[in-house]
Structure formats: structure tokens, C-alpha cells
Amino acid sequence: MDDLDKALEEISSIRRHVARSTEFRGYGSATLAATSGFAILAAAVQAHWIPDPYSRISTYLGIWITTAILSAALIGLQTVSRTRRVHSGMADDMLRMAIEQFLPSFVAGALVTIVLFKFAPFALWMLPGLWQLIFGLGVFSSCRFLPRPMLAAGIWYLATGLMCIAMGDTRALSPWTMGISYGIGQLLVAGVMFFATQEASDEV
């Protein structure tokens, strides 16, 4: 049994190594583009219902947190299905790797939101910029197993996040600081994945 356990562990280690050196193709470009639409829709809803978001910060947070949850759920469901189809035998390892890369950013974004809301409400105007910076770091973290042009998306979110913070006041809570940043950003991500998929198809 010891030899069998050792052999199984070696096989598992090899699978993890192969997964880490394989480009992840579990994200679908159409689904990513759909999340861009979610961001634009959320911005339109905010613009219509809460023209002064700082005075209704709970509603503001509700709109964007709901949008984030819906986007994550859509991407998650589609990614699991697509990964099992594209990566077949390595699907579980590839999914685990994808989660490991992005989970810290997700948790950091959630904790920053909670802390600012409970203990530093005067600084809540910084949230759009912080969300974008943290999301950009998640993109950078994932770049090592995604197509190389994905770096452009990370740079986009880094730049838009810094611009939001540079506003220095509640103007950063404008619906379009989020709508434009994530609307264009997710389209950029979708475009990278689409052309990477096309290149992969051409090579087969």
C-alpha cells in the first residue's frame, strides 16, 4: 500500500505540475462580455435611482455587490462546464488553480468593503477605486496561466482604479466610474479570450 500511495501522490504531483504549465481556457468570451453588459446596466440603474449615492450608500453597495455576485455566479457556472469540456481529465486541477489565483482578490475586496462600511464610512468614496485595483491584482495573478495579452486588462483596471482614487472625493461614486471601468474592462478580457480561442482553433 505504501508503494501504491507513493505512486498515486507522484501522479497527482505530475498532474498539478502539468496544470500549472497549461494555458487555462475555461473562461468563455461570450460570458465575460455579458458581465460587461451587467456593469453598464448597473450603472444605468444607479444613475436613474440614486443620483446622490453618498447619501444612499447602502443602496449603492447593494447595486454593485449584487452585480458582482451575479457576474461571479454566471462566470463560475460557465467556467466549470467549459473547463470540463476543454480540459477533460485535468479539469479539476485546472479549476482549483483558477480559484486559487483569484480567490485572494475576491476575499480582499469583500473585507475592504466591510471594514470601510463599518469603521470608516467617511472613506467609502474610495471603494470604486479600491475594487478596481484589487480586481486588477487578481487579473495580474491569473496572467501566468492565461493568454499573455491579458496583462492589458490588468493594466486597465490598475489605471482606472488609480484615476478613481485621484478624484479625491464622492465624484468617484458616479455610476460611470464603475460602469465604464468594468464595462470596457470586461469587454477587453472577453476579447483576449476570444482571439486566444481562435488562435488555438487555428493551430489544431
N, C-alpha and C. Protein backbone atom coordinates (compact mmCIF):
# COMPACT_ATOMS: atom_id res chain seq x y z
N MET A 1 0.82 -1.21 0.00
CA MET A 1 0.00 0.00 0.00
C MET A 1 0.85 1.26 0.00
N ASP A 2 2.01 1.19 0.69
CA ASP A 2 2.89 2.36 0.72
C ASP A 2 3.35 2.73 -0.69
N ASP A 3 3.72 1.70 -1.47
CA ASP A 3 4.15 1.96 -2.85
C ASP A 3 3.01 2.53 -3.69
N LEU A 4 1.80 2.00 -3.46
CA LEU A 4 0.64 2.49 -4.20
C LEU A 4 0.35 3.95 -3.84
N ASP A 5 0.39 4.26 -2.54
CA ASP A 5 0.15 5.63 -2.10
C ASP A 5 1.20 6.58 -2.67
N LYS A 6 2.44 6.12 -2.69
CA LYS A 6 3.52 6.95 -3.22
C LYS A 6 3.32 7.19 -4.71
N ALA A 7 2.92 6.14 -5.42
CA ALA A 7 2.70 6.27 -6.86
C ALA A 7 1.55 7.23 -7.15
N LEU A 8 0.47 7.11 -6.38
CA LEU A 8 -0.67 8.00 -6.56
C LEU A 8 -0.30 9.45 -6.27
N GLU A 9 0.53 9.66 -5.25
CA GLU A 9 0.97 11.00 -4.91
C GLU A 9 1.84 11.58 -6.01
N GLU A 10 2.70 10.75 -6.59
CA GLU A 10 3.55 11.21 -7.69
C GLU A 10 2.71 11.57 -8.91
N ILE A 11 1.69 10.76 -9.19
CA ILE A 11 0.80 11.06 -10.32
C ILE A 11 0.06 12.37 -10.07
N SER A 12 -0.42 12.55 -8.85
CA SER A 12 -1.12 13.79 -8.50
C SER A 12 -0.21 15.00 -8.64
N SER A 13 1.05 14.83 -8.22
CA SER A 13 2.02 15.92 -8.33
C SER A 13 2.30 16.26 -9.79
N ILE A 14 2.40 15.24 -10.63
CA ILE A 14 2.64 15.47 -12.06
C ILE A 14 1.46 16.20 -12.67
N ARG A 15 0.25 15.78 -12.29
CA ARG A 15 -0.95 16.43 -12.83
C ARG A 15 -1.01 17.90 -12.44
N ARG A 16 -0.64 18.20 -11.18
CA ARG A 16 -0.63 19.60 -10.73
C ARG A 16 0.40 20.40 -11.51
N HIS A 17 1.56 19.81 -11.75
CA HIS A 17 2.62 20.50 -12.49
C HIS A 17 2.18 20.77 -13.93
N VAL A 18 1.56 19.79 -14.55
CA VAL A 18 1.08 19.97 -15.92
C VAL A 18 0.00 21.05 -15.96
N ALA A 19 -0.90 21.03 -14.96
CA ALA A 19 -1.97 22.02 -14.91
C ALA A 19 -1.41 23.43 -14.80
N ARG A 20 -0.36 23.58 -13.99
CA ARG A 20 0.22 24.91 -13.78
C ARG A 20 0.97 25.41 -15.01
N SER A 21 1.35 24.52 -15.90
CA SER A 21 2.08 24.93 -17.11
C SER A 21 1.19 24.95 -18.34
N THR A 22 -0.11 24.70 -18.15
CA THR A 22 -1.06 24.68 -19.25
C THR A 22 -1.91 25.95 -19.25
N GLU A 23 -2.09 26.54 -20.41
CA GLU A 23 -2.91 27.74 -20.51
C GLU A 23 -4.37 27.40 -20.23
N PHE A 24 -4.96 28.14 -19.32
CA PHE A 24 -6.35 27.89 -18.92
C PHE A 24 -7.31 28.46 -19.95
N ARG A 25 -8.21 27.62 -20.44
CA ARG A 25 -9.18 28.05 -21.45
C ARG A 25 -10.61 27.82 -20.97
N GLY A 26 -10.79 27.92 -19.67
CA GLY A 26 -12.12 27.68 -19.11
C GLY A 26 -13.04 28.87 -19.12
N TYR A 27 -12.50 30.06 -19.38
CA TYR A 27 -13.34 31.25 -19.42
C TYR A 27 -13.90 31.46 -20.82
N GLY A 28 -15.21 31.62 -20.92
CA GLY A 28 -15.84 31.84 -22.22
C GLY A 28 -15.96 33.32 -22.53
N SER A 29 -15.62 33.70 -23.75
CA SER A 29 -15.63 35.12 -24.10
C SER A 29 -17.03 35.71 -24.08
N ALA A 30 -18.03 34.93 -24.49
CA ALA A 30 -19.41 35.45 -24.51
C ALA A 30 -19.90 35.74 -23.09
N THR A 31 -19.57 34.86 -22.17
CA THR A 31 -19.97 35.07 -20.78
C THR A 31 -19.29 36.29 -20.18
N LEU A 32 -18.01 36.44 -20.46
CA LEU A 32 -17.28 37.61 -19.97
C LEU A 32 -17.85 38.90 -20.55
N ALA A 33 -18.21 38.86 -21.82
CA ALA A 33 -18.82 40.03 -22.44
C ALA A 33 -20.17 40.35 -21.80
N ALA A 34 -20.91 39.30 -21.40
CA ALA A 34 -22.20 39.51 -20.74
C ALA A 34 -22.02 40.27 -19.42
N THR A 35 -20.93 40.00 -18.70
CA THR A 35 -20.70 40.71 -17.44
C THR A 35 -20.41 42.19 -17.69
N SER A 36 -19.87 42.50 -18.85
CA SER A 36 -19.71 43.90 -19.24
C SER A 36 -21.08 44.57 -19.33
N GLY A 37 -22.04 43.86 -19.91
CA GLY A 37 -23.40 44.37 -20.00
C GLY A 37 -24.02 44.56 -18.62
N PHE A 38 -23.71 43.65 -17.70
CA PHE A 38 -24.21 43.78 -16.32
C PHE A 38 -23.72 45.10 -15.71
N ALA A 39 -22.45 45.41 -15.95
CA ALA A 39 -21.87 46.63 -15.37
C ALA A 39 -22.55 47.88 -15.93
N ILE A 40 -22.76 47.90 -17.24
CA ILE A 40 -23.43 49.04 -17.86
C ILE A 40 -24.86 49.17 -17.34
N LEU A 41 -25.56 48.04 -17.21
CA LEU A 41 -26.93 48.06 -16.70
C LEU A 41 -26.97 48.56 -15.26
N ALA A 42 -26.03 48.10 -14.45
CA ALA A 42 -25.99 48.54 -13.05
C ALA A 42 -25.72 50.04 -12.97
N ALA A 43 -24.85 50.55 -13.83
CA ALA A 43 -24.57 51.99 -13.85
C ALA A 43 -25.82 52.78 -14.23
N ALA A 44 -26.57 52.26 -15.21
CA ALA A 44 -27.80 52.93 -15.63
C ALA A 44 -28.83 52.94 -14.51
N VAL A 45 -28.94 51.82 -13.79
CA VAL A 45 -29.86 51.74 -12.66
C VAL A 45 -29.47 52.74 -11.58
N GLN A 46 -28.16 52.79 -11.28
CA GLN A 46 -27.70 53.76 -10.28
C GLN A 46 -27.99 55.19 -10.70
N ALA A 47 -27.71 55.50 -11.95
CA ALA A 47 -27.92 56.86 -12.45
C ALA A 47 -29.39 57.27 -12.34
N HIS A 48 -30.28 56.29 -12.54
CA HIS A 48 -31.72 56.60 -12.51
C HIS A 48 -32.27 56.70 -11.09
N TRP A 49 -31.83 55.77 -10.22
CA TRP A 49 -32.45 55.66 -8.91
C TRP A 49 -31.72 56.40 -7.80
N ILE A 50 -30.41 56.53 -7.89
CA ILE A 50 -29.69 57.19 -6.79
C ILE A 50 -28.69 58.21 -7.35
N PRO A 51 -29.19 59.39 -7.72
CA PRO A 51 -28.31 60.45 -8.24
C PRO A 51 -27.29 60.93 -7.22
N ASP A 52 -27.59 60.75 -5.92
CA ASP A 52 -26.65 61.14 -4.86
C ASP A 52 -26.27 59.89 -4.06
N PRO A 53 -25.36 59.08 -4.58
CA PRO A 53 -25.06 57.79 -3.94
C PRO A 53 -24.50 57.89 -2.53
N TYR A 54 -23.79 58.98 -2.21
CA TYR A 54 -23.19 59.07 -0.89
C TYR A 54 -24.25 59.14 0.21
N SER A 55 -25.41 59.72 -0.12
CA SER A 55 -26.49 59.82 0.87
C SER A 55 -27.29 58.52 0.95
N ARG A 56 -27.07 57.64 -0.01
CA ARG A 56 -27.76 56.34 -0.01
C ARG A 56 -26.73 55.24 -0.29
N ILE A 57 -25.72 55.23 0.55
CA ILE A 57 -24.57 54.36 0.30
C ILE A 57 -24.95 52.88 0.36
N SER A 58 -25.91 52.52 1.23
CA SER A 58 -26.33 51.12 1.32
C SER A 58 -26.95 50.65 0.00
N THR A 59 -27.74 51.52 -0.62
CA THR A 59 -28.35 51.18 -1.91
C THR A 59 -27.27 51.06 -2.99
N TYR A 60 -26.32 51.98 -2.96
CA TYR A 60 -25.20 51.94 -3.90
C TYR A 60 -24.45 50.61 -3.78
N LEU A 61 -24.11 50.25 -2.55
CA LEU A 61 -23.40 49.00 -2.33
C LEU A 61 -24.24 47.82 -2.78
N GLY A 62 -25.55 47.89 -2.51
CA GLY A 62 -26.43 46.79 -2.90
C GLY A 62 -26.43 46.56 -4.40
N ILE A 63 -26.46 47.66 -5.17
CA ILE A 63 -26.46 47.53 -6.63
C ILE A 63 -25.19 46.85 -7.12
N TRP A 64 -24.04 47.33 -6.63
CA TRP A 64 -22.79 46.83 -7.18
C TRP A 64 -22.39 45.48 -6.61
N ILE A 65 -22.75 45.21 -5.36
CA ILE A 65 -22.46 43.88 -4.80
C ILE A 65 -23.33 42.84 -5.49
N THR A 66 -24.60 43.17 -5.74
CA THR A 66 -25.47 42.25 -6.46
C THR A 66 -24.95 41.98 -7.86
N THR A 67 -24.48 43.05 -8.53
CA THR A 67 -23.91 42.89 -9.87
C THR A 67 -22.69 41.98 -9.84
N ALA A 68 -21.84 42.17 -8.83
CA ALA A 68 -20.64 41.34 -8.72
C ALA A 68 -21.00 39.87 -8.47
N ILE A 69 -21.99 39.64 -7.61
CA ILE A 69 -22.39 38.27 -7.30
C ILE A 69 -22.98 37.59 -8.53
N LEU A 70 -23.86 38.30 -9.24
CA LEU A 70 -24.46 37.73 -10.45
C LEU A 70 -23.39 37.42 -11.50
N SER A 71 -22.45 38.35 -11.66
CA SER A 71 -21.37 38.14 -12.63
C SER A 71 -20.51 36.94 -12.25
N ALA A 72 -20.15 36.86 -10.96
CA ALA A 72 -19.32 35.75 -10.50
C ALA A 72 -20.05 34.42 -10.65
N ALA A 73 -21.35 34.41 -10.36
CA ALA A 73 -22.13 33.17 -10.48
C ALA A 73 -22.20 32.72 -11.94
N LEU A 74 -22.45 33.67 -12.83
CA LEU A 74 -22.53 33.34 -14.26
C LEU A 74 -21.20 32.80 -14.77
N ILE A 75 -20.12 33.52 -14.43
CA ILE A 75 -18.79 33.09 -14.88
C ILE A 75 -18.45 31.73 -14.27
N GLY A 76 -18.77 31.55 -12.98
CA GLY A 76 -18.44 30.30 -12.29
C GLY A 76 -19.13 29.10 -12.92
N LEU A 77 -20.43 29.21 -13.16
CA LEU A 77 -21.17 28.10 -13.74
C LEU A 77 -20.67 27.76 -15.14
N GLN A 78 -20.44 28.80 -15.93
CA GLN A 78 -19.98 28.56 -17.30
C GLN A 78 -18.55 28.01 -17.32
N THR A 79 -17.72 28.49 -16.39
CA THR A 79 -16.33 28.05 -16.35
C THR A 79 -16.22 26.58 -15.97
N VAL A 80 -17.02 26.15 -15.01
CA VAL A 80 -17.00 24.74 -14.62
C VAL A 80 -17.38 23.86 -15.80
N SER A 81 -18.46 24.23 -16.49
CA SER A 81 -18.93 23.45 -17.64
C SER A 81 -17.90 23.45 -18.77
N ARG A 82 -17.36 24.63 -19.08
CA ARG A 82 -16.41 24.74 -20.19
C ARG A 82 -15.09 24.03 -19.87
N THR A 83 -14.62 24.15 -18.63
CA THR A 83 -13.36 23.52 -18.26
C THR A 83 -13.44 22.01 -18.36
N ARG A 84 -14.58 21.45 -17.94
CA ARG A 84 -14.74 20.00 -18.03
C ARG A 84 -14.77 19.54 -19.49
N ARG A 85 -15.21 20.42 -20.38
CA ARG A 85 -15.25 20.07 -21.80
C ARG A 85 -13.89 20.27 -22.46
N VAL A 86 -13.22 21.37 -22.14
CA VAL A 86 -11.98 21.73 -22.82
C VAL A 86 -10.77 21.00 -22.24
N HIS A 87 -10.72 20.91 -20.90
CA HIS A 87 -9.53 20.33 -20.26
C HIS A 87 -9.74 18.88 -19.81
N SER A 88 -10.91 18.37 -19.99
CA SER A 88 -11.27 16.96 -19.72
C SER A 88 -10.61 16.39 -18.47
N GLY A 89 -9.62 15.55 -18.62
CA GLY A 89 -9.02 14.85 -17.48
C GLY A 89 -8.34 15.75 -16.46
N MET A 90 -7.93 16.94 -16.87
CA MET A 90 -7.27 17.85 -15.94
C MET A 90 -8.22 18.92 -15.40
N ALA A 91 -9.50 18.75 -15.65
CA ALA A 91 -10.47 19.80 -15.31
C ALA A 91 -10.42 20.20 -13.85
N ASP A 92 -10.42 19.23 -12.95
CA ASP A 92 -10.44 19.55 -11.52
C ASP A 92 -9.20 20.34 -11.11
N ASP A 93 -8.03 19.91 -11.62
CA ASP A 93 -6.79 20.61 -11.28
C ASP A 93 -6.79 22.03 -11.85
N MET A 94 -7.30 22.19 -13.06
CA MET A 94 -7.32 23.50 -13.69
C MET A 94 -8.29 24.43 -12.96
N LEU A 95 -9.45 23.90 -12.57
CA LEU A 95 -10.41 24.71 -11.82
C LEU A 95 -9.84 25.13 -10.48
N ARG A 96 -9.20 24.20 -9.81
CA ARG A 96 -8.60 24.52 -8.50
C ARG A 96 -7.55 25.62 -8.64
N MET A 97 -6.76 25.53 -9.68
CA MET A 97 -5.73 26.53 -9.91
C MET A 97 -6.36 27.90 -10.18
N ALA A 98 -7.41 27.94 -10.99
CA ALA A 98 -8.07 29.20 -11.31
C ALA A 98 -8.65 29.85 -10.06
N ILE A 99 -9.26 29.03 -9.21
CA ILE A 99 -9.84 29.54 -7.96
C ILE A 99 -8.75 30.07 -7.04
N GLU A 100 -7.67 29.33 -6.93
CA GLU A 100 -6.56 29.74 -6.06
C GLU A 100 -5.98 31.08 -6.49
N GLN A 101 -5.96 31.34 -7.77
CA GLN A 101 -5.37 32.58 -8.26
C GLN A 101 -6.25 33.80 -7.96
N PHE A 102 -7.57 33.62 -8.06
CA PHE A 102 -8.45 34.79 -7.94
C PHE A 102 -9.12 34.93 -6.58
N LEU A 103 -9.17 33.86 -5.80
CA LEU A 103 -9.87 33.91 -4.52
C LEU A 103 -9.32 34.96 -3.56
N PRO A 104 -7.99 35.12 -3.43
CA PRO A 104 -7.48 36.15 -2.50
C PRO A 104 -7.99 37.55 -2.84
N SER A 105 -8.09 37.89 -4.12
CA SER A 105 -8.59 39.21 -4.51
C SER A 105 -10.06 39.35 -4.14
N PHE A 106 -10.83 38.31 -4.36
CA PHE A 106 -12.25 38.33 -4.02
C PHE A 106 -12.45 38.56 -2.52
N VAL A 107 -11.69 37.81 -1.73
CA VAL A 107 -11.80 37.93 -0.26
C VAL A 107 -11.34 39.32 0.19
N ALA A 108 -10.24 39.81 -0.39
CA ALA A 108 -9.73 41.13 -0.02
C ALA A 108 -10.75 42.21 -0.34
N GLY A 109 -11.39 42.13 -1.51
CA GLY A 109 -12.40 43.12 -1.87
C GLY A 109 -13.58 43.11 -0.91
N ALA A 110 -14.02 41.92 -0.52
CA ALA A 110 -15.14 41.81 0.41
C ALA A 110 -14.77 42.38 1.78
N LEU A 111 -13.58 42.06 2.26
CA LEU A 111 -13.16 42.53 3.59
C LEU A 111 -12.97 44.04 3.62
N VAL A 112 -12.38 44.61 2.56
CA VAL A 112 -12.20 46.06 2.48
C VAL A 112 -13.56 46.76 2.53
N THR A 113 -14.53 46.21 1.80
CA THR A 113 -15.87 46.79 1.78
C THR A 113 -16.49 46.77 3.18
N ILE A 114 -16.40 45.65 3.85
CA ILE A 114 -16.99 45.52 5.19
C ILE A 114 -16.32 46.48 6.18
N VAL A 115 -15.00 46.54 6.15
CA VAL A 115 -14.27 47.38 7.10
C VAL A 115 -14.58 48.86 6.89
N LEU A 116 -14.57 49.31 5.64
CA LEU A 116 -14.87 50.71 5.38
C LEU A 116 -16.32 51.05 5.76
N PHE A 117 -17.24 50.15 5.45
CA PHE A 117 -18.65 50.41 5.75
C PHE A 117 -18.90 50.51 7.26
N LYS A 118 -18.24 49.65 8.02
CA LYS A 118 -18.49 49.61 9.47
C LYS A 118 -17.65 50.60 10.26
N PHE A 119 -16.42 50.84 9.83
CA PHE A 119 -15.49 51.59 10.68
C PHE A 119 -14.99 52.90 10.06
N ALA A 120 -15.12 53.06 8.75
CA ALA A 120 -14.61 54.29 8.12
C ALA A 120 -15.53 54.75 7.00
N PRO A 121 -16.81 55.01 7.32
CA PRO A 121 -17.77 55.40 6.27
C PRO A 121 -17.38 56.67 5.53
N PHE A 122 -16.58 57.53 6.17
CA PHE A 122 -16.13 58.76 5.51
C PHE A 122 -15.21 58.46 4.32
N ALA A 123 -14.67 57.23 4.27
CA ALA A 123 -13.74 56.86 3.19
C ALA A 123 -14.39 55.96 2.15
N LEU A 124 -15.71 55.81 2.22
CA LEU A 124 -16.38 54.90 1.29
C LEU A 124 -16.28 55.35 -0.17
N TRP A 125 -16.02 56.64 -0.39
CA TRP A 125 -15.87 57.11 -1.76
C TRP A 125 -14.69 56.43 -2.47
N MET A 126 -13.78 55.85 -1.68
CA MET A 126 -12.62 55.20 -2.27
C MET A 126 -12.93 53.80 -2.81
N LEU A 127 -14.11 53.26 -2.46
CA LEU A 127 -14.39 51.87 -2.82
C LEU A 127 -14.29 51.56 -4.31
N PRO A 128 -14.88 52.37 -5.20
CA PRO A 128 -14.75 52.03 -6.64
C PRO A 128 -13.29 51.85 -7.07
N GLY A 129 -12.43 52.78 -6.64
CA GLY A 129 -11.03 52.67 -6.99
C GLY A 129 -10.37 51.46 -6.38
N LEU A 130 -10.68 51.18 -5.12
CA LEU A 130 -10.09 50.02 -4.45
C LEU A 130 -10.57 48.73 -5.08
N TRP A 131 -11.86 48.66 -5.39
CA TRP A 131 -12.37 47.45 -6.06
C TRP A 131 -11.64 47.19 -7.37
N GLN A 132 -11.43 48.24 -8.13
CA GLN A 132 -10.76 48.07 -9.42
C GLN A 132 -9.29 47.69 -9.26
N LEU A 133 -8.62 48.29 -8.29
CA LEU A 133 -7.23 47.93 -8.04
C LEU A 133 -7.11 46.47 -7.61
N ILE A 134 -7.99 46.04 -6.70
CA ILE A 134 -7.94 44.66 -6.22
C ILE A 134 -8.28 43.68 -7.34
N PHE A 135 -9.28 44.04 -8.16
CA PHE A 135 -9.64 43.18 -9.29
C PHE A 135 -8.48 43.10 -10.27
N GLY A 136 -7.82 44.22 -10.50
CA GLY A 136 -6.66 44.23 -11.39
C GLY A 136 -5.55 43.33 -10.88
N LEU A 137 -5.33 43.32 -9.56
CA LEU A 137 -4.32 42.44 -8.99
C LEU A 137 -4.70 40.97 -9.20
N GLY A 138 -6.01 40.69 -9.12
CA GLY A 138 -6.46 39.33 -9.39
C GLY A 138 -6.18 38.93 -10.83
N VAL A 139 -6.38 39.87 -11.75
CA VAL A 139 -6.09 39.61 -13.16
C VAL A 139 -4.59 39.36 -13.34
N PHE A 140 -3.76 40.20 -12.73
CA PHE A 140 -2.31 40.01 -12.83
C PHE A 140 -1.89 38.65 -12.28
N SER A 141 -2.51 38.27 -11.15
CA SER A 141 -2.17 36.99 -10.53
C SER A 141 -2.52 35.82 -11.43
N SER A 142 -3.60 35.98 -12.21
CA SER A 142 -4.05 34.90 -13.09
C SER A 142 -3.32 34.87 -14.42
N CYS A 143 -2.58 35.93 -14.73
CA CYS A 143 -1.97 36.07 -16.07
C CYS A 143 -1.00 34.96 -16.41
N ARG A 144 -0.41 34.34 -15.42
CA ARG A 144 0.61 33.35 -15.74
C ARG A 144 0.03 32.09 -16.38
N PHE A 145 -1.28 31.86 -16.26
CA PHE A 145 -1.86 30.71 -16.96
C PHE A 145 -2.99 31.13 -17.91
N LEU A 146 -3.00 32.44 -18.26
CA LEU A 146 -3.93 32.96 -19.25
C LEU A 146 -3.13 33.52 -20.43
N PRO A 147 -3.78 33.81 -21.55
CA PRO A 147 -3.05 34.39 -22.69
C PRO A 147 -2.30 35.66 -22.29
N ARG A 148 -1.11 35.83 -22.80
CA ARG A 148 -0.25 36.94 -22.42
C ARG A 148 -0.90 38.32 -22.56
N PRO A 149 -1.71 38.57 -23.61
CA PRO A 149 -2.34 39.90 -23.74
C PRO A 149 -3.28 40.27 -22.59
N MET A 150 -3.59 39.28 -21.73
CA MET A 150 -4.46 39.58 -20.58
C MET A 150 -3.83 40.60 -19.65
N LEU A 151 -2.52 40.79 -19.77
CA LEU A 151 -1.85 41.84 -19.00
C LEU A 151 -2.47 43.20 -19.26
N ALA A 152 -2.96 43.42 -20.47
CA ALA A 152 -3.58 44.70 -20.81
C ALA A 152 -4.81 44.96 -19.95
N ALA A 153 -5.58 43.91 -19.65
CA ALA A 153 -6.76 44.06 -18.79
C ALA A 153 -6.35 44.42 -17.37
N GLY A 154 -5.29 43.79 -16.88
CA GLY A 154 -4.80 44.13 -15.54
C GLY A 154 -4.35 45.58 -15.47
N ILE A 155 -3.66 46.03 -16.51
CA ILE A 155 -3.21 47.43 -16.57
C ILE A 155 -4.40 48.37 -16.62
N TRP A 156 -5.42 48.00 -17.38
CA TRP A 156 -6.63 48.83 -17.47
C TRP A 156 -7.26 49.04 -16.10
N TYR A 157 -7.45 47.94 -15.35
CA TYR A 157 -8.08 48.06 -14.04
C TYR A 157 -7.19 48.81 -13.05
N LEU A 158 -5.90 48.63 -13.17
CA LEU A 158 -4.98 49.39 -12.32
C LEU A 158 -5.11 50.87 -12.61
N ALA A 159 -5.14 51.25 -13.89
CA ALA A 159 -5.22 52.66 -14.28
C ALA A 159 -6.55 53.27 -13.86
N THR A 160 -7.67 52.56 -14.12
CA THR A 160 -8.97 53.13 -13.78
C THR A 160 -9.14 53.24 -12.27
N GLY A 161 -8.60 52.27 -11.53
CA GLY A 161 -8.68 52.34 -10.08
C GLY A 161 -7.93 53.54 -9.52
N LEU A 162 -6.75 53.77 -10.05
CA LEU A 162 -5.96 54.93 -9.60
C LEU A 162 -6.65 56.24 -9.97
N MET A 163 -7.28 56.28 -11.15
CA MET A 163 -7.98 57.50 -11.55
C MET A 163 -9.17 57.78 -10.62
N CYS A 164 -9.87 56.74 -10.22
CA CYS A 164 -10.99 56.92 -9.29
C CYS A 164 -10.50 57.49 -7.96
N ILE A 165 -9.42 56.94 -7.45
CA ILE A 165 -8.88 57.42 -6.18
C ILE A 165 -8.37 58.85 -6.33
N ALA A 166 -7.80 59.16 -7.50
CA ALA A 166 -7.27 60.50 -7.74
C ALA A 166 -8.36 61.57 -7.73
N MET A 167 -9.61 61.18 -7.94
CA MET A 167 -10.70 62.15 -7.87
C MET A 167 -10.79 62.78 -6.48
N GLY A 168 -10.47 62.00 -5.48
CA GLY A 168 -10.32 62.54 -4.14
C GLY A 168 -11.59 62.85 -3.38
N ASP A 169 -12.75 62.53 -3.93
CA ASP A 169 -14.00 62.82 -3.21
C ASP A 169 -15.12 61.95 -3.75
N THR A 170 -16.36 62.31 -3.41
CA THR A 170 -17.51 61.47 -3.74
C THR A 170 -17.81 61.41 -5.24
N ARG A 171 -17.11 62.18 -6.06
CA ARG A 171 -17.29 62.04 -7.50
C ARG A 171 -16.93 60.63 -7.96
N ALA A 172 -16.10 59.96 -7.18
CA ALA A 172 -15.70 58.59 -7.51
C ALA A 172 -16.87 57.62 -7.44
N LEU A 173 -17.96 58.03 -6.77
CA LEU A 173 -19.14 57.17 -6.66
C LEU A 173 -20.09 57.34 -7.83
N SER A 174 -19.71 58.15 -8.82
CA SER A 174 -20.51 58.30 -10.03
C SER A 174 -20.78 56.93 -10.64
N PRO A 175 -21.97 56.71 -11.19
CA PRO A 175 -22.26 55.40 -11.77
C PRO A 175 -21.29 54.99 -12.87
N TRP A 176 -20.74 55.97 -13.56
CA TRP A 176 -19.92 55.63 -14.72
C TRP A 176 -18.47 55.35 -14.38
N THR A 177 -18.04 55.68 -13.15
CA THR A 177 -16.69 55.25 -12.76
C THR A 177 -16.62 53.73 -12.66
N MET A 178 -17.74 53.11 -12.31
CA MET A 178 -17.82 51.66 -12.29
C MET A 178 -18.29 51.12 -13.64
N GLY A 179 -19.33 51.75 -14.19
CA GLY A 179 -19.90 51.26 -15.43
C GLY A 179 -18.90 51.23 -16.58
N ILE A 180 -18.17 52.33 -16.76
CA ILE A 180 -17.20 52.40 -17.85
C ILE A 180 -16.00 51.50 -17.56
N SER A 181 -15.51 51.54 -16.32
CA SER A 181 -14.31 50.76 -15.97
C SER A 181 -14.54 49.27 -16.19
N TYR A 182 -15.63 48.74 -15.62
CA TYR A 182 -15.89 47.32 -15.77
C TYR A 182 -16.51 46.98 -17.11
N GLY A 183 -17.29 47.91 -17.68
CA GLY A 183 -17.86 47.67 -19.00
C GLY A 183 -16.79 47.45 -20.04
N ILE A 184 -15.84 48.38 -20.11
CA ILE A 184 -14.74 48.26 -21.07
C ILE A 184 -13.77 47.16 -20.64
N GLY A 185 -13.49 47.09 -19.36
CA GLY A 185 -12.53 46.10 -18.87
C GLY A 185 -12.94 44.68 -19.17
N GLN A 186 -14.22 44.36 -18.93
CA GLN A 186 -14.67 43.00 -19.20
C GLN A 186 -14.76 42.71 -20.70
N LEU A 187 -15.06 43.73 -21.50
CA LEU A 187 -15.00 43.53 -22.94
C LEU A 187 -13.58 43.25 -23.40
N LEU A 188 -12.61 43.91 -22.77
CA LEU A 188 -11.20 43.67 -23.08
C LEU A 188 -10.82 42.24 -22.73
N VAL A 189 -11.23 41.80 -21.55
CA VAL A 189 -10.96 40.42 -21.13
C VAL A 189 -11.61 39.43 -22.10
N ALA A 190 -12.87 39.71 -22.46
CA ALA A 190 -13.58 38.83 -23.39
C ALA A 190 -12.88 38.78 -24.75
N GLY A 191 -12.41 39.94 -25.22
CA GLY A 191 -11.71 39.98 -26.50
C GLY A 191 -10.44 39.16 -26.49
N VAL A 192 -9.68 39.27 -25.40
CA VAL A 192 -8.44 38.49 -25.29
C VAL A 192 -8.76 37.00 -25.34
N MET A 193 -9.77 36.57 -24.57
CA MET A 193 -10.11 35.15 -24.55
C MET A 193 -10.65 34.69 -25.91
N PHE A 194 -11.41 35.55 -26.59
CA PHE A 194 -11.96 35.17 -27.89
C PHE A 194 -10.85 34.93 -28.91
N PHE A 195 -9.93 35.87 -29.02
CA PHE A 195 -8.86 35.73 -30.01
C PHE A 195 -7.90 34.61 -29.63
N ALA A 196 -7.70 34.37 -28.32
CA ALA A 196 -6.86 33.25 -27.91
C ALA A 196 -7.49 31.93 -28.31
N THR A 197 -8.82 31.85 -28.18
CA THR A 197 -9.54 30.64 -28.57
C THR A 197 -9.46 30.43 -30.08
N GLN A 198 -9.58 31.53 -30.83
CA GLN A 198 -9.48 31.42 -32.29
C GLN A 198 -8.10 30.94 -32.70
N GLU A 199 -7.06 31.46 -32.05
CA GLU A 199 -5.69 31.04 -32.38
C GLU A 199 -5.49 29.58 -32.07
N ALA A 200 -6.05 29.15 -30.93
CA ALA A 200 -5.92 27.74 -30.57
C ALA A 200 -6.61 26.84 -31.58
N SER A 201 -7.77 27.29 -32.07
CA SER A 201 -8.50 26.51 -33.07
C SER A 201 -7.73 26.42 -34.38
N ASP A 202 -7.05 27.50 -34.75
CA ASP A 202 -6.29 27.53 -35.99
C ASP A 202 -5.09 26.59 -35.94
N GLU A 203 -4.57 26.40 -34.71
CA GLU A 203 -3.38 25.56 -34.55
C GLU A 203 -3.71 24.09 -34.61
N VAL A 204 -4.99 23.75 -34.34
CA VAL A 204 -5.37 22.33 -34.33
C VAL A 204 -5.44 21.77 -35.74
